[in-house]
Amino acid sequence: MRVIIVGCGRLGINLASSLAKTNVDVAIIDSTKLAFSNLPADFQGITVEGDALNQDVLVRAGIEKAEALVAVTNCDPLNAVVASIARDVYHVPHVVVRNYDPRWRELQEMLSLQVISSTAWGAQRIEELIHSENFRTVFSAGNGEVEIYEFEVPEKWNNQRLGDLISSAECVPVSITRAGTAIIPTCDTNIKTNDVVLFSGTMAGSFAVRDQLRQK
């Protein structure tokens, strides 16, 4: 598998190093030769110096046979353009774009690109942790707009309807695990103390469940 990484900053270096250790054929592009000096000494991929908007640079990186391109520079317009070229001109099947400045995220999404925003996701995770109580995020979709949360049922909610606890339109029950056995619940399922509940929801939905837990 050939993966091209555009941007040899901290994120690009960590991603390139991790992929190379799994025997992925990695090529990393940066406009500054000095940036490659930060790669680990045992890095097995190739480095390509130059402007990623230059066709020759992309070809030297192996874009014609690439299965994935990841644009992770700190320039959002560059990331969007390079990713669009990879997808629309070279038909690279997997293209991922880093969002560095949240103000550019909407533009990147308008181009129907797969966008990863560490800033937006990080801010949301910190907010969740501040309000976490006994909540735990077990899966995050997209940039965290929808997540799967896990919590243990407190004694005060013993034998109550799950639908009374998860009542927001922005959350949906996923499973209940009781004594090691999981079931798919309905809103009429009675929950028991120490049940482990998983539900899918937005941040607003998770806050609604937290508020419900406090009310009993």
C-alpha atoms as a PDB file:
ATOM      1  CA  MET A   1       0.000   0.000   0.000  1.00  0.00           C
ATOM      2  CA  ARG A   2       1.361   3.421  -0.991  1.00  0.00           C
ATOM      3  CA  VAL A   3       0.404   6.390   1.203  1.00  0.00           C
ATOM      4  CA  ILE A   4       1.451   9.953   0.458  1.00  0.00           C
ATOM      5  CA  ILE A   5       1.653  12.430   3.319  1.00  0.00           C
ATOM      6  CA  VAL A   6       1.783  16.121   2.450  1.00  0.00           C
ATOM      7  CA  GLY A   7       3.371  18.088   5.260  1.00  0.00           C
ATOM      8  CA  CYS A   8       6.345  17.053   7.368  1.00  0.00           C
ATOM      9  CA  GLY A   9       5.316  18.789  10.575  1.00  0.00           C
ATOM     10  CA  ARG A  10       4.655  17.091  13.905  1.00  0.00           C
ATOM     11  CA  LEU A  11       1.469  15.407  12.717  1.00  0.00           C
ATOM     12  CA  GLY A  12       2.934  14.314   9.396  1.00  0.00           C
ATOM     13  CA  ILE A  13       6.053  12.913  11.058  1.00  0.00           C
ATOM     14  CA  ASN A  14       4.097  10.916  13.616  1.00  0.00           C
ATOM     15  CA  LEU A  15       1.748   9.530  10.992  1.00  0.00           C
ATOM     16  CA  ALA A  16       4.569   8.681   8.569  1.00  0.00           C
ATOM     17  CA  SER A  17       6.604   6.957  11.276  1.00  0.00           C
ATOM     18  CA  SER A  18       3.637   4.939  12.493  1.00  0.00           C
ATOM     19  CA  LEU A  19       2.614   3.819   9.001  1.00  0.00           C
ATOM     20  CA  ALA A  20       6.171   2.927   7.990  1.00  0.00           C
ATOM     21  CA  LYS A  21       6.467   0.612  11.000  1.00  0.00           C
ATOM     22  CA  THR A  22       3.495  -1.376   9.673  1.00  0.00           C
ATOM     23  CA  ASN A  23       5.269  -1.925   6.335  1.00  0.00           C
ATOM     24  CA  VAL A  24       3.177   0.652   4.494  1.00  0.00           C
ATOM     25  CA  ASP A  25       5.009   2.246   1.554  1.00  0.00           C
ATOM     26  CA  VAL A  26       5.145   5.881   2.721  1.00  0.00           C
ATOM     27  CA  ALA A  27       6.177   8.992   0.821  1.00  0.00           C
ATOM     28  CA  ILE A  28       6.216  12.331   2.639  1.00  0.00           C
ATOM     29  CA  ILE A  29       6.276  15.677   0.850  1.00  0.00           C
ATOM     30  CA  ASP A  30       7.402  19.017   2.206  1.00  0.00           C
ATOM     31  CA  SER A  31       8.528  22.250   0.592  1.00  0.00           C
ATOM     32  CA  THR A  32      11.407  22.582   3.060  1.00  0.00           C
ATOM     33  CA  LYS A  33      14.237  20.048   3.032  1.00  0.00           C
ATOM     34  CA  LEU A  34      15.103  20.856   6.650  1.00  0.00           C
ATOM     35  CA  ALA A  35      11.714  19.489   7.768  1.00  0.00           C
ATOM     36  CA  PHE A  36      12.840  15.943   6.938  1.00  0.00           C
ATOM     37  CA  SER A  37      15.607  16.147   9.543  1.00  0.00           C
ATOM     38  CA  ASN A  38      12.938  15.652  12.212  1.00  0.00           C
ATOM     39  CA  LEU A  39      12.017  12.216  10.897  1.00  0.00           C
ATOM     40  CA  PRO A  40      13.365   9.323  12.995  1.00  0.00           C
ATOM     41  CA  ALA A  41      16.693   7.905  11.892  1.00  0.00           C
ATOM     42  CA  ASP A  42      15.120   4.547  11.097  1.00  0.00           C
ATOM     43  CA  PHE A  43      12.368   5.965   8.866  1.00  0.00           C
ATOM     44  CA  GLN A  44      11.994   3.627   5.893  1.00  0.00           C
ATOM     45  CA  GLY A  45       9.834   5.799   3.633  1.00  0.00           C
ATOM     46  CA  ILE A  46      10.897   8.255   0.942  1.00  0.00           C
ATOM     47  CA  THR A  47      11.060  12.025   1.219  1.00  0.00           C
ATOM     48  CA  VAL A  48      10.146  14.371  -1.619  1.00  0.00           C
ATOM     49  CA  GLU A  49      11.115  18.026  -1.435  1.00  0.00           C
ATOM     50  CA  GLY A  50       8.948  20.453  -3.367  1.00  0.00           C
ATOM     51  CA  ASP A  51       5.583  22.116  -3.794  1.00  0.00           C
ATOM     52  CA  ALA A  52       2.792  19.547  -3.501  1.00  0.00           C
ATOM     53  CA  LEU A  53       0.829  21.502  -6.117  1.00  0.00           C
ATOM     54  CA  ASN A  54       3.543  20.655  -8.638  1.00  0.00           C
ATOM     55  CA  GLN A  55       2.593  17.649 -10.752  1.00  0.00           C
ATOM     56  CA  ASP A  56       6.193  16.454 -10.945  1.00  0.00           C
ATOM     57  CA  VAL A  57       6.453  16.436  -7.151  1.00  0.00           C
ATOM     58  CA  LEU A  58       3.296  14.359  -6.819  1.00  0.00           C
ATOM     59  CA  VAL A  59       4.457  11.927  -9.490  1.00  0.00           C
ATOM     60  CA  ARG A  60       7.852  11.516  -7.778  1.00  0.00           C
ATOM     61  CA  ALA A  61       5.961  10.707  -4.592  1.00  0.00           C
ATOM     62  CA  GLY A  62       4.118   7.961  -6.463  1.00  0.00           C
ATOM     63  CA  ILE A  63       0.648   9.456  -6.667  1.00  0.00           C
ATOM     64  CA  GLU A  64      -0.216   7.468  -9.785  1.00  0.00           C
ATOM     65  CA  LYS A  65      -0.143   4.284  -7.703  1.00  0.00           C
ATOM     66  CA  ALA A  66      -1.142   5.731  -4.343  1.00  0.00           C
ATOM     67  CA  GLU A  67      -4.035   4.244  -2.428  1.00  0.00           C
ATOM     68  CA  ALA A  68      -4.226   7.126   0.041  1.00  0.00           C
ATOM     69  CA  LEU A  69      -3.170  10.758   0.350  1.00  0.00           C
ATOM     70  CA  VAL A  70      -3.216  12.693   3.594  1.00  0.00           C
ATOM     71  CA  ALA A  71      -2.776  16.476   3.504  1.00  0.00           C
ATOM     72  CA  VAL A  72      -1.673  17.673   6.943  1.00  0.00           C
ATOM     73  CA  THR A  73       0.140  20.969   6.395  1.00  0.00           C
ATOM     74  CA  ASN A  74      -0.763  24.024   8.486  1.00  0.00           C
ATOM     75  CA  CYS A  75      -2.215  25.678   5.352  1.00  0.00           C
ATOM     76  CA  ASP A  76      -5.872  24.725   4.982  1.00  0.00           C
ATOM     77  CA  PRO A  77      -6.323  26.001   1.380  1.00  0.00           C
ATOM     78  CA  LEU A  78      -3.250  24.003   0.298  1.00  0.00           C
ATOM     79  CA  ASN A  79      -4.576  20.887   2.001  1.00  0.00           C
ATOM     80  CA  ALA A  80      -7.935  21.290   0.263  1.00  0.00           C
ATOM     81  CA  VAL A  81      -6.476  21.853  -3.205  1.00  0.00           C
ATOM     82  CA  VAL A  82      -3.941  19.015  -3.019  1.00  0.00           C
ATOM     83  CA  ALA A  83      -6.581  16.639  -1.735  1.00  0.00           C
ATOM     84  CA  SER A  84      -8.995  17.639  -4.500  1.00  0.00           C
ATOM     85  CA  ILE A  85      -6.299  17.052  -7.125  1.00  0.00           C
ATOM     86  CA  ALA A  86      -5.503  13.642  -5.655  1.00  0.00           C
ATOM     87  CA  ARG A  87      -9.166  12.643  -5.662  1.00  0.00           C
ATOM     88  CA  ASP A  88     -10.375  14.188  -8.917  1.00  0.00           C
ATOM     89  CA  VAL A  89      -7.301  14.006 -11.161  1.00  0.00           C
ATOM     90  CA  TYR A  90      -5.415  10.943  -9.923  1.00  0.00           C
ATOM     91  CA  HIS A  91      -8.455   9.130  -8.494  1.00  0.00           C
ATOM     92  CA  VAL A  92      -6.727   8.279  -5.225  1.00  0.00           C
ATOM     93  CA  PRO A  93      -9.375   6.220  -3.381  1.00  0.00           C
ATOM     94  CA  HIS A  94      -8.671   7.434   0.172  1.00  0.00           C
ATOM     95  CA  VAL A  95      -8.087  11.153   0.751  1.00  0.00           C
ATOM     96  CA  VAL A  96      -8.005  12.787   4.185  1.00  0.00           C
ATOM     97  CA  VAL A  97      -7.510  16.464   4.963  1.00  0.00           C
ATOM     98  CA  ARG A  98      -6.342  18.097   8.147  1.00  0.00           C
ATOM     99  CA  ASN A  99      -8.214  21.181   9.277  1.00  0.00           C
ATOM    100  CA  TYR A 100      -5.763  23.527  11.004  1.00  0.00           C
ATOM    101  CA  ASP A 101      -7.883  26.686  11.341  1.00  0.00           C
ATOM    102  CA  PRO A 102     -11.571  26.005  12.178  1.00  0.00           C
ATOM    103  CA  ARG A 103     -12.558  29.010  10.051  1.00  0.00           C
ATOM    104  CA  TRP A 104     -11.574  27.025   6.941  1.00  0.00           C
ATOM    105  CA  ARG A 105     -13.340  23.813   7.912  1.00  0.00           C
ATOM    106  CA  GLU A 106     -16.637  24.652   6.199  1.00  0.00           C
ATOM    107  CA  LEU A 107     -14.856  25.258   2.883  1.00  0.00           C
ATOM    108  CA  GLN A 108     -13.056  21.925   3.111  1.00  0.00           C
ATOM    109  CA  GLU A 109     -16.316  20.143   3.864  1.00  0.00           C
ATOM    110  CA  MET A 110     -18.043  21.911   0.959  1.00  0.00           C
ATOM    111  CA  LEU A 111     -15.536  20.175  -1.309  1.00  0.00           C
ATOM    112  CA  SER A 112     -16.819  16.843   0.072  1.00  0.00           C
ATOM    113  CA  LEU A 113     -13.440  16.031   1.587  1.00  0.00           C
ATOM    114  CA  GLN A 114     -12.920  13.808   4.613  1.00  0.00           C
ATOM    115  CA  VAL A 115     -11.827  16.395   7.184  1.00  0.00           C
ATOM    116  CA  ILE A 116     -10.111  15.804  10.508  1.00  0.00           C
ATOM    117  CA  SER A 117     -10.043  18.807  12.829  1.00  0.00           C
ATOM    118  CA  SER A 118      -7.844  18.247  15.867  1.00  0.00           C
ATOM    119  CA  THR A 119      -8.792  21.697  17.180  1.00  0.00           C
ATOM    120  CA  ALA A 120     -12.544  21.129  17.063  1.00  0.00           C
ATOM    121  CA  TRP A 121     -12.294  17.536  18.270  1.00  0.00           C
ATOM    122  CA  GLY A 122      -9.882  18.455  21.075  1.00  0.00           C
ATOM    123  CA  ALA A 123     -12.093  21.283  22.323  1.00  0.00           C
ATOM    124  CA  GLN A 124     -15.113  18.978  22.387  1.00  0.00           C
ATOM    125  CA  ARG A 125     -13.257  16.215  24.224  1.00  0.00           C
ATOM    126  CA  ILE A 126     -12.018  18.683  26.876  1.00  0.00           C
ATOM    127  CA  GLU A 127     -15.561  19.973  27.365  1.00  0.00           C
ATOM    128  CA  GLU A 128     -16.817  16.404  27.731  1.00  0.00           C
ATOM    129  CA  LEU A 129     -14.142  15.572  30.291  1.00  0.00           C
ATOM    130  CA  ILE A 130     -15.028  18.613  32.358  1.00  0.00           C
ATOM    131  CA  HIS A 131     -18.597  17.330  32.573  1.00  0.00           C
ATOM    132  CA  SER A 132     -17.679  13.651  32.454  1.00  0.00           C
ATOM    133  CA  GLU A 133     -18.895  12.277  35.809  1.00  0.00           C
ATOM    134  CA  ASN A 134     -18.998   8.530  35.101  1.00  0.00           C
ATOM    135  CA  PHE A 135     -19.304   8.969  31.331  1.00  0.00           C
ATOM    136  CA  ARG A 136     -16.776   7.562  28.903  1.00  0.00           C
ATOM    137  CA  THR A 137     -16.560   8.088  25.150  1.00  0.00           C
ATOM    138  CA  VAL A 138     -15.954   4.757  23.431  1.00  0.00           C
ATOM    139  CA  PHE A 139     -16.316   5.798  19.779  1.00  0.00           C
ATOM    140  CA  SER A 140     -16.192   9.085  17.925  1.00  0.00           C
ATOM    141  CA  ALA A 141     -17.545   9.597  14.398  1.00  0.00           C
ATOM    142  CA  GLY A 142     -16.388  12.337  12.073  1.00  0.00           C
ATOM    143  CA  ASN A 143     -14.905  15.094  14.181  1.00  0.00           C
ATOM    144  CA  GLY A 144     -16.914  14.095  17.220  1.00  0.00           C
ATOM    145  CA  GLU A 145     -20.287  15.399  16.074  1.00  0.00           C
ATOM    146  CA  VAL A 146     -21.746  12.020  17.029  1.00  0.00           C
ATOM    147  CA  GLU A 147     -20.193   9.744  19.635  1.00  0.00           C
ATOM    148  CA  ILE A 148     -21.007   6.562  21.525  1.00  0.00           C
ATOM    149  CA  TYR A 149     -20.968   7.035  25.274  1.00  0.00           C
ATOM    150  CA  GLU A 150     -20.811   4.473  28.068  1.00  0.00           C
ATOM    151  CA  PHE A 151     -21.949   4.857  31.658  1.00  0.00           C
ATOM    152  CA  GLU A 152     -22.894   2.693  34.620  1.00  0.00           C
ATOM    153  CA  VAL A 153     -26.415   2.983  36.005  1.00  0.00           C
ATOM    154  CA  PRO A 154     -26.418   4.458  39.547  1.00  0.00           C
ATOM    155  CA  GLU A 155     -28.568   2.968  42.285  1.00  0.00           C
ATOM    156  CA  LYS A 156     -31.085   5.813  42.203  1.00  0.00           C
ATOM    157  CA  TRP A 157     -32.065   4.787  38.650  1.00  0.00           C
ATOM    158  CA  ASN A 158     -32.626   1.131  39.539  1.00  0.00           C
ATOM    159  CA  ASN A 159     -35.673  -0.384  37.812  1.00  0.00           C
ATOM    160  CA  GLN A 160     -36.487   2.792  35.887  1.00  0.00           C
ATOM    161  CA  ARG A 161     -37.396   2.942  32.172  1.00  0.00           C
ATOM    162  CA  LEU A 162     -34.460   3.543  29.889  1.00  0.00           C
ATOM    163  CA  GLY A 163     -36.653   5.899  27.880  1.00  0.00           C
ATOM    164  CA  ASP A 164     -37.007   8.159  30.919  1.00  0.00           C
ATOM    165  CA  LEU A 165     -33.238   8.486  31.086  1.00  0.00           C
ATOM    166  CA  ILE A 166     -32.435   8.710  27.386  1.00  0.00           C
ATOM    167  CA  SER A 167     -35.270  10.959  26.273  1.00  0.00           C
ATOM    168  CA  SER A 168     -33.519  13.530  24.098  1.00  0.00           C
ATOM    169  CA  ALA A 169     -34.110  13.481  20.337  1.00  0.00           C
ATOM    170  CA  GLU A 170     -30.329  13.740  19.961  1.00  0.00           C
ATOM    171  CA  CYS A 171     -29.446  10.385  21.537  1.00  0.00           C
ATOM    172  CA  VAL A 172     -30.329   6.754  20.846  1.00  0.00           C
ATOM    173  CA  PRO A 173     -29.744   3.708  23.094  1.00  0.00           C
ATOM    174  CA  VAL A 174     -27.308   1.165  21.676  1.00  0.00           C
ATOM    175  CA  SER A 175     -26.928  -1.605  24.255  1.00  0.00           C
ATOM    176  CA  ILE A 176     -27.216  -2.622  27.886  1.00  0.00           C
ATOM    177  CA  THR A 177     -24.726  -5.029  29.435  1.00  0.00           C
ATOM    178  CA  ARG A 178     -25.902  -6.826  32.576  1.00  0.00           C
ATOM    179  CA  ALA A 179     -23.847  -9.537  34.304  1.00  0.00           C
ATOM    180  CA  GLY A 180     -21.643  -9.845  31.230  1.00  0.00           C
ATOM    181  CA  THR A 181     -24.495 -10.272  28.739  1.00  0.00           C
ATOM    182  CA  ALA A 182     -25.403  -7.528  26.284  1.00  0.00           C
ATOM    183  CA  ILE A 183     -28.848  -6.827  24.842  1.00  0.00           C
ATOM    184  CA  ILE A 184     -30.286  -4.281  22.432  1.00  0.00           C
ATOM    185  CA  PRO A 185     -32.763  -2.324  24.559  1.00  0.00           C
ATOM    186  CA  THR A 186     -35.916  -0.403  23.794  1.00  0.00           C
ATOM    187  CA  CYS A 187     -37.176   2.697  25.551  1.00  0.00           C
ATOM    188  CA  ASP A 188     -39.409   0.447  27.684  1.00  0.00           C
ATOM    189  CA  THR A 189     -36.498  -1.644  28.984  1.00  0.00           C
ATOM    190  CA  ASN A 190     -36.064  -1.364  32.744  1.00  0.00           C
ATOM    191  CA  ILE A 191     -32.500  -0.615  33.777  1.00  0.00           C
ATOM    192  CA  LYS A 192     -30.820  -2.031  36.869  1.00  0.00           C
ATOM    193  CA  THR A 193     -28.111  -0.738  39.185  1.00  0.00           C
ATOM    194  CA  ASN A 194     -24.634  -1.354  37.686  1.00  0.00           C
ATOM    195  CA  ASP A 195     -25.985  -1.966  34.176  1.00  0.00           C
ATOM    196  CA  VAL A 196     -23.540  -0.617  31.600  1.00  0.00           C
ATOM    197  CA  VAL A 197     -25.435   1.486  29.067  1.00  0.00           C
ATOM    198  CA  LEU A 198     -24.120   2.522  25.668  1.00  0.00           C
ATOM    199  CA  PHE A 199     -25.900   5.210  23.701  1.00  0.00           C
ATOM    200  CA  SER A 200     -25.158   7.198  20.587  1.00  0.00           C
ATOM    201  CA  GLY A 201     -25.651  10.932  20.637  1.00  0.00           C
ATOM    202  CA  THR A 202     -24.499  14.442  19.957  1.00  0.00           C
ATOM    203  CA  MET A 203     -22.824  16.472  22.674  1.00  0.00           C
ATOM    204  CA  ALA A 204     -26.184  18.120  23.396  1.00  0.00           C
ATOM    205  CA  GLY A 205     -27.733  14.672  23.706  1.00  0.00           C
ATOM    206  CA  SER A 206     -25.058  13.511  26.137  1.00  0.00           C
ATOM    207  CA  PHE A 207     -25.591  16.602  28.294  1.00  0.00           C
ATOM    208  CA  ALA A 208     -29.335  15.868  28.338  1.00  0.00           C
ATOM    209  CA  VAL A 209     -28.641  12.366  29.688  1.00  0.00           C
ATOM    210  CA  ARG A 210     -26.290  13.785  32.319  1.00  0.00           C
ATOM    211  CA  ASP A 211     -28.999  16.220  33.401  1.00  0.00           C
ATOM    212  CA  GLN A 212     -31.483  13.360  33.682  1.00  0.00           C
ATOM    213  CA  LEU A 213     -29.086  11.353  35.838  1.00  0.00           C
ATOM    214  CA  ARG A 214     -28.840  14.245  38.284  1.00  0.00           C
ATOM    215  CA  GLN A 215     -32.602  14.679  38.659  1.00  0.00           C
ATOM    216  CA  LYS A 216     -33.544  11.440  40.442  1.00  0.00           C
END
